[in-house]
Amino acid sequence: MKRTSEPVRRLPKWLVAPALLLAVLVMSGCQTLSYYGQAIKGQYQIVARQERIEKLLADPQTPSPLKAKLQLVQSLRSFAAKDLKLPVDGHYQKYVDVHRRFVVWNVEAAPEFSLEPKGWWYPFAGSLEYRGYFSERGARDYAAPLRKKGYDVYVGGVEAYSTLGWFKDPVLNTFISDPEPDLAETLFHELAHQRVFASGDTDFNEAFATTVGQEGVRRWLRAKGDQAACEKYQAELVRTRLFAHLIANTRGRLEALYRDERTPQGQIKATRKNRAVATEELRQQKQQILNRLQQEYTQLKAQWGGYPEYDAWFAGPVNNAQLNSVAAYYDLVPSFERLLELNGGDLEKFYEAADQLAHEAKAERHRRLRSLGSAAGG
């Protein structure tokens, strides 16, 4: 996730399914063909429009602010490869202006009375808890029938995504203008997906990449000797942790209300038992919990001196799917931070330990991560 005044930027990053053309050929169904068709078109447009950064830097027509950012990207790439031991491998050597605010829009869904996220299966990437579209209209058109079926649905814009090594990911106009720490975190986060990836485990992948992105920014700023920027960034992370804690508490209350169940992997599943509470009463109790969330955020914001960082996130009615969009990125971060600590802050050893977890059975992987989180107080 990325850190800016609009938290939507910090939230989901879509992992585009590779070999999409093959998927179209082997799958049937008009909706499937339409979905993968737009994905292929969107990815093709990005590949076709990209320009080498060196060429843009040498071009006198390139605006000075863009040149400065592209030079920063070059420095961040070098730091990622040398100091963070991340596989840069040709990524972020090109730039693309997609002429829109976000590169993709994610659709996430959950039942009205459960926090169990709806999953979608992708070739090679496995089951993921979001569905990405290269146009906002496409995402909202897909979301509309889900709402009619009774799902809580959340559509959020995304500034960056990783193709998991199937393409050389370019720098995009959607995030190039972000403040330096945010730009750095985006690059480090996405490159982390190239280093360790567990198929079909959104929570693991995003929490790992979030941990790497944040730690990478801290090391980058320290290496620059920019103490003021370090302190400002750390303050942002503290606010993010408090926000994530607020969401986690709300999800806990809703989970108890819904009587959701847990799998051996610790994942939430809708209960199969009959609820004693009538539907309308359940709906009212749910709204009371969500109203409490709004009140608690207002109190938290006051403690921050009115800092409006998450106002946009709370602008509309909050629902189960929107709450899940935060959980996937932060619930396991304390576990990975503890794993990094246990490896003495050595990133290479940390990556190896995380990769070992990625190759465990999912139930055992999450059991070990929960144990690490408990030891860290997470």
Protein backbone atom coordinates (compact mmCIF):
# COMPACT_ATOMS: atom_id res chain seq x y z
CA MET A 1 0.00 0.00 0.00
CA LYS A 2 1.03 3.52 -0.57
CA ARG A 3 1.02 6.44 1.77
CA THR A 4 -0.61 9.68 0.70
CA SER A 5 -3.45 11.92 1.76
CA GLU A 6 -5.84 9.63 -0.11
CA PRO A 7 -5.77 6.21 1.57
CA VAL A 8 -7.32 4.58 -1.47
CA ARG A 9 -3.84 4.81 -2.95
CA ARG A 10 -2.51 2.75 -0.10
CA LEU A 11 -4.94 0.00 -0.55
CA PRO A 12 -5.21 -2.79 -3.11
CA LYS A 13 -2.62 -3.48 -5.75
CA TRP A 14 -3.92 -5.87 -8.37
CA LEU A 15 -1.67 -8.78 -9.31
CA VAL A 16 -2.46 -9.19 -12.97
CA ALA A 17 -2.89 -12.81 -14.00
CA PRO A 18 -0.13 -13.81 -16.46
CA ALA A 19 -0.66 -15.63 -19.73
CA LEU A 20 -4.07 -14.03 -20.10
CA LEU A 21 -4.34 -14.93 -23.75
CA LEU A 22 -3.91 -18.61 -22.90
CA ALA A 23 -6.62 -18.26 -20.29
CA VAL A 24 -9.01 -16.87 -22.88
CA LEU A 25 -8.35 -19.80 -25.18
CA VAL A 26 -8.88 -22.50 -22.56
CA MET A 27 -11.85 -20.96 -20.71
CA SER A 28 -15.41 -20.63 -21.88
CA GLY A 29 -18.25 -18.27 -21.10
CA CYS A 30 -19.01 -14.80 -22.41
CA GLN A 31 -18.24 -13.10 -19.10
CA THR A 32 -14.88 -14.87 -18.87
CA LEU A 33 -13.98 -13.92 -22.43
CA SER A 34 -15.04 -10.33 -21.85
CA TYR A 35 -13.07 -10.05 -18.62
CA TYR A 36 -9.82 -11.45 -19.96
CA GLY A 37 -10.30 -9.53 -23.17
CA GLN A 38 -10.29 -6.20 -21.34
CA ALA A 39 -7.30 -7.34 -19.28
CA ILE A 40 -5.31 -8.22 -22.39
CA LYS A 41 -6.25 -4.92 -24.04
CA GLY A 42 -5.33 -2.94 -20.94
CA GLN A 43 -1.98 -4.64 -20.51
CA TYR A 44 -1.21 -4.34 -24.22
CA GLN A 45 -1.87 -0.60 -24.16
CA ILE A 46 0.58 -0.20 -21.30
CA VAL A 47 3.26 -2.21 -23.11
CA ALA A 48 2.67 -0.37 -26.39
CA ARG A 49 2.87 3.14 -24.89
CA GLN A 50 5.91 2.77 -22.67
CA GLU A 51 9.06 4.81 -23.32
CA ARG A 52 12.54 4.26 -21.96
CA ILE A 53 13.40 6.55 -19.07
CA GLU A 54 16.86 7.32 -20.52
CA LYS A 55 15.19 8.61 -23.69
CA LEU A 56 12.81 10.82 -21.73
CA LEU A 57 15.65 12.22 -19.64
CA ALA A 58 17.58 13.12 -22.80
CA ASP A 59 14.53 14.72 -24.44
CA PRO A 60 14.47 18.54 -23.91
CA GLN A 61 10.66 18.41 -24.26
CA THR A 62 10.26 16.30 -21.13
CA PRO A 63 8.96 18.54 -18.31
CA SER A 64 11.50 19.24 -15.57
CA PRO A 65 9.30 17.89 -12.72
CA LEU A 66 8.88 14.60 -14.57
CA LYS A 67 12.62 14.39 -15.23
CA ALA A 68 13.33 14.89 -11.53
CA LYS A 69 10.94 12.08 -10.62
CA LEU A 70 12.38 9.74 -13.24
CA GLN A 71 15.89 10.40 -11.94
CA LEU A 72 14.60 9.56 -8.46
CA VAL A 73 13.21 6.30 -9.81
CA GLN A 74 16.65 5.40 -11.16
CA SER A 75 18.17 6.00 -7.74
CA LEU A 76 15.43 3.97 -6.04
CA ARG A 77 16.00 1.07 -8.43
CA SER A 78 19.69 1.02 -7.61
CA PHE A 79 18.97 1.14 -3.90
CA ALA A 80 16.39 -1.66 -4.20
CA ALA A 81 18.87 -3.91 -5.98
CA LYS A 82 21.93 -3.18 -3.85
CA ASP A 83 20.59 -2.45 -0.38
CA LEU A 84 17.22 -4.19 -0.32
CA LYS A 85 18.30 -7.26 -2.33
CA LEU A 86 15.22 -7.04 -4.53
CA PRO A 87 15.12 -8.44 -8.11
CA VAL A 88 14.97 -5.20 -10.12
CA ASP A 89 15.73 -7.12 -13.32
CA GLY A 90 14.60 -4.58 -15.90
CA HIS A 91 11.55 -3.36 -13.99
CA TYR A 92 10.83 0.38 -13.85
CA GLN A 93 13.19 1.27 -16.69
CA LYS A 94 10.30 2.59 -18.79
CA TYR A 95 7.52 5.11 -18.25
CA VAL A 96 3.87 5.11 -19.37
CA ASP A 97 1.22 7.79 -19.17
CA VAL A 98 -2.11 5.94 -19.15
CA HIS A 99 -4.03 9.25 -19.22
CA ARG A 100 -6.20 8.44 -16.22
CA ARG A 101 -6.07 8.76 -12.46
CA PHE A 102 -5.80 5.03 -11.72
CA VAL A 103 -4.36 2.20 -13.78
CA VAL A 104 -6.97 -0.34 -12.65
CA TRP A 105 -10.05 -0.50 -10.44
CA ASN A 106 -10.56 -3.44 -8.07
CA VAL A 107 -13.87 -4.99 -7.24
CA GLU A 108 -14.11 -6.68 -3.83
CA ALA A 109 -17.19 -8.35 -2.38
CA ALA A 110 -18.48 -10.09 0.74
CA PRO A 111 -21.90 -11.29 1.86
CA GLU A 112 -24.11 -8.78 3.67
CA PHE A 113 -23.79 -10.73 6.92
CA SER A 114 -20.29 -12.20 6.74
CA LEU A 115 -16.71 -11.04 6.38
CA GLU A 116 -15.87 -13.98 4.14
CA PRO A 117 -14.35 -12.38 1.02
CA LYS A 118 -15.53 -13.50 -2.37
CA GLY A 119 -12.68 -15.06 -4.33
CA TRP A 120 -11.85 -15.22 -8.02
CA TRP A 121 -9.53 -17.72 -9.65
CA TYR A 122 -6.74 -16.61 -12.03
CA PRO A 123 -4.32 -18.69 -14.09
CA PHE A 124 -0.99 -19.13 -12.26
CA ALA A 125 -1.86 -16.60 -9.55
CA GLY A 126 -4.52 -18.83 -8.00
CA SER A 127 -7.51 -17.56 -6.05
CA LEU A 128 -7.42 -13.86 -5.19
CA GLU A 129 -9.92 -11.73 -3.30
CA TYR A 130 -10.39 -9.03 -5.92
CA ARG A 131 -11.16 -8.62 -9.61
CA GLY A 132 -9.36 -5.90 -11.51
CA TYR A 133 -10.54 -3.82 -14.46
CA PHE A 134 -8.65 -1.35 -16.63
CA SER A 135 -11.65 0.98 -16.67
CA GLU A 136 -13.76 2.31 -13.83
CA ARG A 137 -16.92 1.72 -15.84
CA GLY A 138 -16.00 -1.92 -16.35
CA ALA A 139 -15.44 -2.38 -12.62
CA ARG A 140 -18.70 -0.68 -11.68
CA ASP A 141 -20.65 -2.59 -14.32
CA TYR A 142 -19.32 -5.83 -12.86
CA ALA A 143 -20.04 -4.67 -9.30
CA ALA A 144 -23.71 -3.80 -9.98
CA PRO A 145 -25.02 -7.41 -10.36
CA LEU A 146 -23.08 -8.44 -7.26
CA ARG A 147 -24.92 -5.78 -5.26
CA LYS A 148 -28.24 -7.01 -6.67
CA LYS A 149 -27.34 -10.48 -5.41
CA GLY A 150 -27.01 -9.04 -1.92
CA TYR A 151 -23.24 -8.69 -1.66
CA ASP A 152 -21.50 -5.83 0.06
CA VAL A 153 -19.29 -4.47 -2.74
CA TYR A 154 -16.33 -2.10 -2.77
CA VAL A 155 -14.77 -0.57 -5.91
CA GLY A 156 -11.40 1.10 -5.37
CA GLY A 157 -8.88 2.74 -7.69
CA VAL A 158 -5.36 1.33 -7.85
CA GLU A 159 -2.20 3.21 -8.76
CA ALA A 160 0.17 0.30 -9.35
CA TYR A 161 0.27 -3.46 -9.75
CA SER A 162 2.81 -6.20 -10.35
CA THR A 163 2.70 -8.67 -13.25
CA LEU A 164 4.76 -11.13 -11.18
CA GLY A 165 7.63 -11.11 -13.65
CA TRP A 166 5.61 -11.90 -16.78
CA PHE A 167 6.23 -8.36 -18.01
CA LYS A 168 8.79 -5.73 -17.06
CA ASP A 169 6.68 -3.39 -14.98
CA PRO A 170 6.94 0.28 -15.98
CA VAL A 171 6.64 3.49 -13.99
CA LEU A 172 3.14 4.94 -14.39
CA ASN A 173 1.80 8.47 -14.32
CA THR A 174 -0.66 7.25 -11.67
CA PHE A 175 2.04 7.23 -8.99
CA ILE A 176 5.07 9.10 -10.40
CA SER A 177 3.97 12.40 -8.80
CA ASP A 178 3.58 10.94 -5.31
CA PRO A 179 5.84 12.29 -2.54
CA GLU A 180 9.25 10.63 -2.44
CA PRO A 181 8.52 8.18 0.43
CA ASP A 182 5.27 7.09 -1.22
CA LEU A 183 6.92 6.60 -4.59
CA ALA A 184 9.70 4.61 -2.95
CA GLU A 185 7.24 2.44 -1.05
CA THR A 186 5.30 1.68 -4.22
CA LEU A 187 8.39 0.51 -6.08
CA PHE A 188 9.71 -1.52 -3.15
CA HIS A 189 6.27 -3.04 -2.51
CA GLU A 190 5.80 -4.17 -6.10
CA LEU A 191 9.36 -5.48 -6.42
CA ALA A 192 8.80 -7.51 -3.26
CA HIS A 193 6.14 -9.50 -5.13
CA GLN A 194 8.88 -10.54 -7.54
CA ARG A 195 10.94 -11.91 -4.65
CA VAL A 196 8.37 -13.94 -2.69
CA PHE A 197 4.88 -14.96 -3.76
CA ALA A 198 2.47 -17.59 -2.41
CA SER A 199 -0.08 -18.65 -4.99
CA GLY A 200 -3.65 -18.00 -3.93
CA ASP A 201 -2.78 -16.26 -0.64
CA THR A 202 -3.65 -12.56 -0.89
CA ASP A 203 -3.14 -11.87 2.83
CA PHE A 204 0.36 -13.36 2.86
CA ASN A 205 1.49 -11.68 -0.35
CA GLU A 206 0.25 -8.20 0.46
CA ALA A 207 1.39 -8.17 4.10
CA PHE A 208 4.86 -9.35 3.03
CA ALA A 209 5.11 -6.68 0.34
CA THR A 210 3.77 -4.01 2.71
CA THR A 211 6.45 -4.94 5.25
CA VAL A 212 9.20 -4.79 2.63
CA GLY A 213 7.91 -1.49 1.26
CA GLN A 214 7.82 0.18 4.64
CA GLU A 215 11.17 -1.17 5.79
CA GLY A 216 12.68 -0.19 2.45
CA VAL A 217 11.53 3.41 2.82
CA ARG A 218 12.94 3.63 6.34
CA ARG A 219 16.32 2.39 5.10
CA TRP A 220 16.22 4.70 2.08
CA LEU A 221 15.57 7.78 4.18
CA ARG A 222 18.20 6.81 6.75
CA ALA A 223 20.74 6.26 3.97
CA LYS A 224 20.01 9.79 2.75
CA GLY A 225 20.47 11.14 6.24
CA ASP A 226 17.07 12.84 6.08
CA GLN A 227 16.01 12.68 9.72
CA ALA A 228 13.05 15.03 9.26
CA ALA A 229 11.65 12.88 6.46
CA CYS A 230 12.21 9.75 8.57
CA GLU A 231 10.22 11.20 11.44
CA LYS A 232 7.42 12.37 9.15
CA TYR A 233 7.18 8.98 7.47
CA GLN A 234 7.21 7.17 10.81
CA ALA A 235 4.37 9.39 12.00
CA GLU A 236 2.41 8.40 8.88
CA LEU A 237 3.01 4.73 9.66
CA VAL A 238 1.80 5.22 13.24
CA ARG A 239 -1.42 6.75 11.93
CA THR A 240 -1.77 3.87 9.51
CA ARG A 241 -1.33 1.33 12.30
CA LEU A 242 -3.96 3.07 14.40
CA PHE A 243 -6.33 3.14 11.42
CA ALA A 244 -5.70 -0.56 10.75
CA HIS A 245 -6.27 -1.33 14.44
CA LEU A 246 -9.57 0.56 14.32
CA ILE A 247 -10.66 -1.50 11.31
CA ALA A 248 -9.54 -4.75 12.97
CA ASN A 249 -11.60 -4.01 16.08
CA THR A 250 -14.65 -3.28 13.94
CA ARG A 251 -14.18 -6.48 11.97
CA GLY A 252 -13.93 -8.40 15.24
CA ARG A 253 -17.29 -7.02 16.40
CA LEU A 254 -18.90 -7.85 13.07
CA GLU A 255 -17.38 -11.31 12.99
CA ALA A 256 -18.96 -12.02 16.39
CA LEU A 257 -22.29 -10.58 15.25
CA TYR A 258 -22.32 -12.66 12.07
CA ARG A 259 -21.08 -15.77 13.93
CA ASP A 260 -18.47 -16.25 11.24
CA GLU A 261 -16.25 -19.31 11.50
CA ARG A 262 -12.49 -19.77 11.05
CA THR A 263 -10.70 -22.29 8.87
CA PRO A 264 -7.46 -24.01 9.99
CA GLN A 265 -5.69 -21.28 7.97
CA GLY A 266 -7.39 -18.66 10.11
CA GLN A 267 -9.53 -17.46 7.21
CA ILE A 268 -13.08 -16.30 7.79
CA LYS A 269 -15.98 -18.37 6.50
CA ALA A 270 -19.68 -17.60 6.71
CA THR A 271 -21.47 -19.68 9.31
CA ARG A 272 -23.60 -22.59 8.16
CA LYS A 273 -25.68 -22.47 11.33
CA ASN A 274 -29.01 -20.76 11.61
CA ARG A 275 -28.80 -17.39 13.31
CA ALA A 276 -31.15 -16.67 16.20
CA VAL A 277 -31.34 -12.98 15.20
CA ALA A 278 -33.87 -11.91 12.59
CA THR A 279 -32.48 -10.41 9.38
CA GLU A 280 -33.70 -6.89 10.00
CA GLU A 281 -32.41 -6.87 13.56
CA LEU A 282 -29.06 -8.20 12.32
CA ARG A 283 -28.97 -5.39 9.76
CA GLN A 284 -29.64 -2.81 12.48
CA GLN A 285 -26.93 -4.21 14.75
CA LYS A 286 -24.49 -4.19 11.86
CA GLN A 287 -25.25 -0.54 11.19
CA GLN A 288 -24.75 0.29 14.86
CA ILE A 289 -21.26 -1.22 14.71
CA LEU A 290 -20.45 0.72 11.55
CA ASN A 291 -21.76 3.93 13.15
CA ARG A 292 -19.46 3.27 16.08
CA LEU A 293 -16.57 2.94 13.65
CA GLN A 294 -17.34 6.39 12.25
CA GLN A 295 -17.46 7.85 15.76
CA GLU A 296 -14.18 6.23 16.74
CA TYR A 297 -12.52 7.56 13.62
CA THR A 298 -13.73 11.07 14.45
CA GLN A 299 -12.14 10.71 17.89
CA LEU A 300 -8.93 9.34 16.40
CA LYS A 301 -8.76 12.16 13.87
CA ALA A 302 -9.11 14.67 16.73
CA GLN A 303 -6.11 13.04 18.44
CA TRP A 304 -4.19 13.63 15.22
CA GLY A 305 -5.01 17.32 15.34
CA GLY A 306 -7.57 17.03 12.56
CA TYR A 307 -5.24 15.28 10.08
CA PRO A 308 -7.60 14.27 7.22
CA GLU A 309 -5.62 11.32 5.85
CA TYR A 310 -8.51 8.83 5.91
CA ASP A 311 -11.46 11.14 5.29
CA ALA A 312 -11.84 9.91 1.71
CA TRP A 313 -11.98 6.30 2.91
CA PHE A 314 -14.85 7.16 5.25
CA ALA A 315 -16.64 9.41 2.74
CA GLY A 316 -19.19 6.80 1.69
CA PRO A 317 -21.07 4.06 3.54
CA VAL A 318 -18.53 1.52 4.84
CA ASN A 319 -19.33 -2.16 4.30
CA ASN A 320 -17.85 -5.63 4.79
CA ALA A 321 -15.94 -5.64 1.50
CA GLN A 322 -14.33 -2.28 2.22
CA LEU A 323 -13.26 -3.44 5.67
CA ASN A 324 -11.70 -6.54 4.10
CA SER A 325 -9.66 -4.38 1.73
CA VAL A 326 -7.66 -3.13 4.72
CA ALA A 327 -7.32 -6.47 6.48
CA ALA A 328 -5.55 -8.12 3.54
CA TYR A 329 -2.73 -5.60 3.74
CA TYR A 330 -2.19 -5.17 7.46
CA ASP A 331 -3.38 -8.12 9.55
CA LEU A 332 -0.17 -10.10 9.01
CA VAL A 333 2.30 -7.18 8.95
CA PRO A 334 3.26 -7.60 12.65
CA SER A 335 4.07 -11.25 11.90
CA PHE A 336 6.43 -10.32 9.08
CA GLU A 337 8.02 -7.56 11.13
CA ARG A 338 8.70 -10.12 13.85
CA LEU A 339 10.17 -12.48 11.26
CA LEU A 340 12.51 -9.71 10.09
CA GLU A 341 13.51 -9.03 13.68
CA LEU A 342 14.21 -12.72 14.33
CA ASN A 343 16.56 -12.67 11.35
CA GLY A 344 18.51 -9.77 12.81
CA GLY A 345 17.23 -7.31 10.22
CA ASP A 346 19.08 -9.24 7.50
CA LEU A 347 16.84 -8.91 4.47
CA GLU A 348 18.32 -11.85 2.58
CA LYS A 349 17.64 -14.18 5.50
CA PHE A 350 14.20 -12.64 5.94
CA TYR A 351 13.34 -13.30 2.29
CA GLU A 352 14.52 -16.89 2.58
CA ALA A 353 12.39 -17.43 5.69
CA ALA A 354 9.36 -15.85 4.00
CA ASP A 355 9.91 -17.98 0.90
CA GLN A 356 9.99 -21.10 3.06
CA LEU A 357 6.64 -20.07 4.51
CA ALA A 358 5.31 -19.49 0.99
CA HIS A 359 6.05 -23.12 0.18
CA GLU A 360 4.32 -24.47 3.28
CA ALA A 361 0.77 -25.74 3.19
CA LYS A 362 -1.50 -22.74 3.64
CA ALA A 363 -2.84 -23.89 7.01
CA GLU A 364 0.65 -24.37 8.45
CA ARG A 365 1.84 -21.09 6.91
CA HIS A 366 -0.89 -19.09 8.59
CA ARG A 367 -0.52 -20.97 11.87
CA ARG A 368 3.15 -19.99 11.99
CA LEU A 369 2.40 -16.41 11.01
CA ARG A 370 -0.27 -16.10 13.72
CA SER A 371 2.26 -17.44 16.21
CA LEU A 372 4.78 -14.82 15.12
CA GLY A 373 2.13 -12.11 15.35
CA SER A 374 1.19 -13.15 18.88
CA ALA A 375 4.84 -13.05 19.93
CA ALA A 376 5.07 -9.52 18.49
CA GLY A 377 1.93 -8.43 20.30
CA GLY A 378 0.05 -8.10 16.96
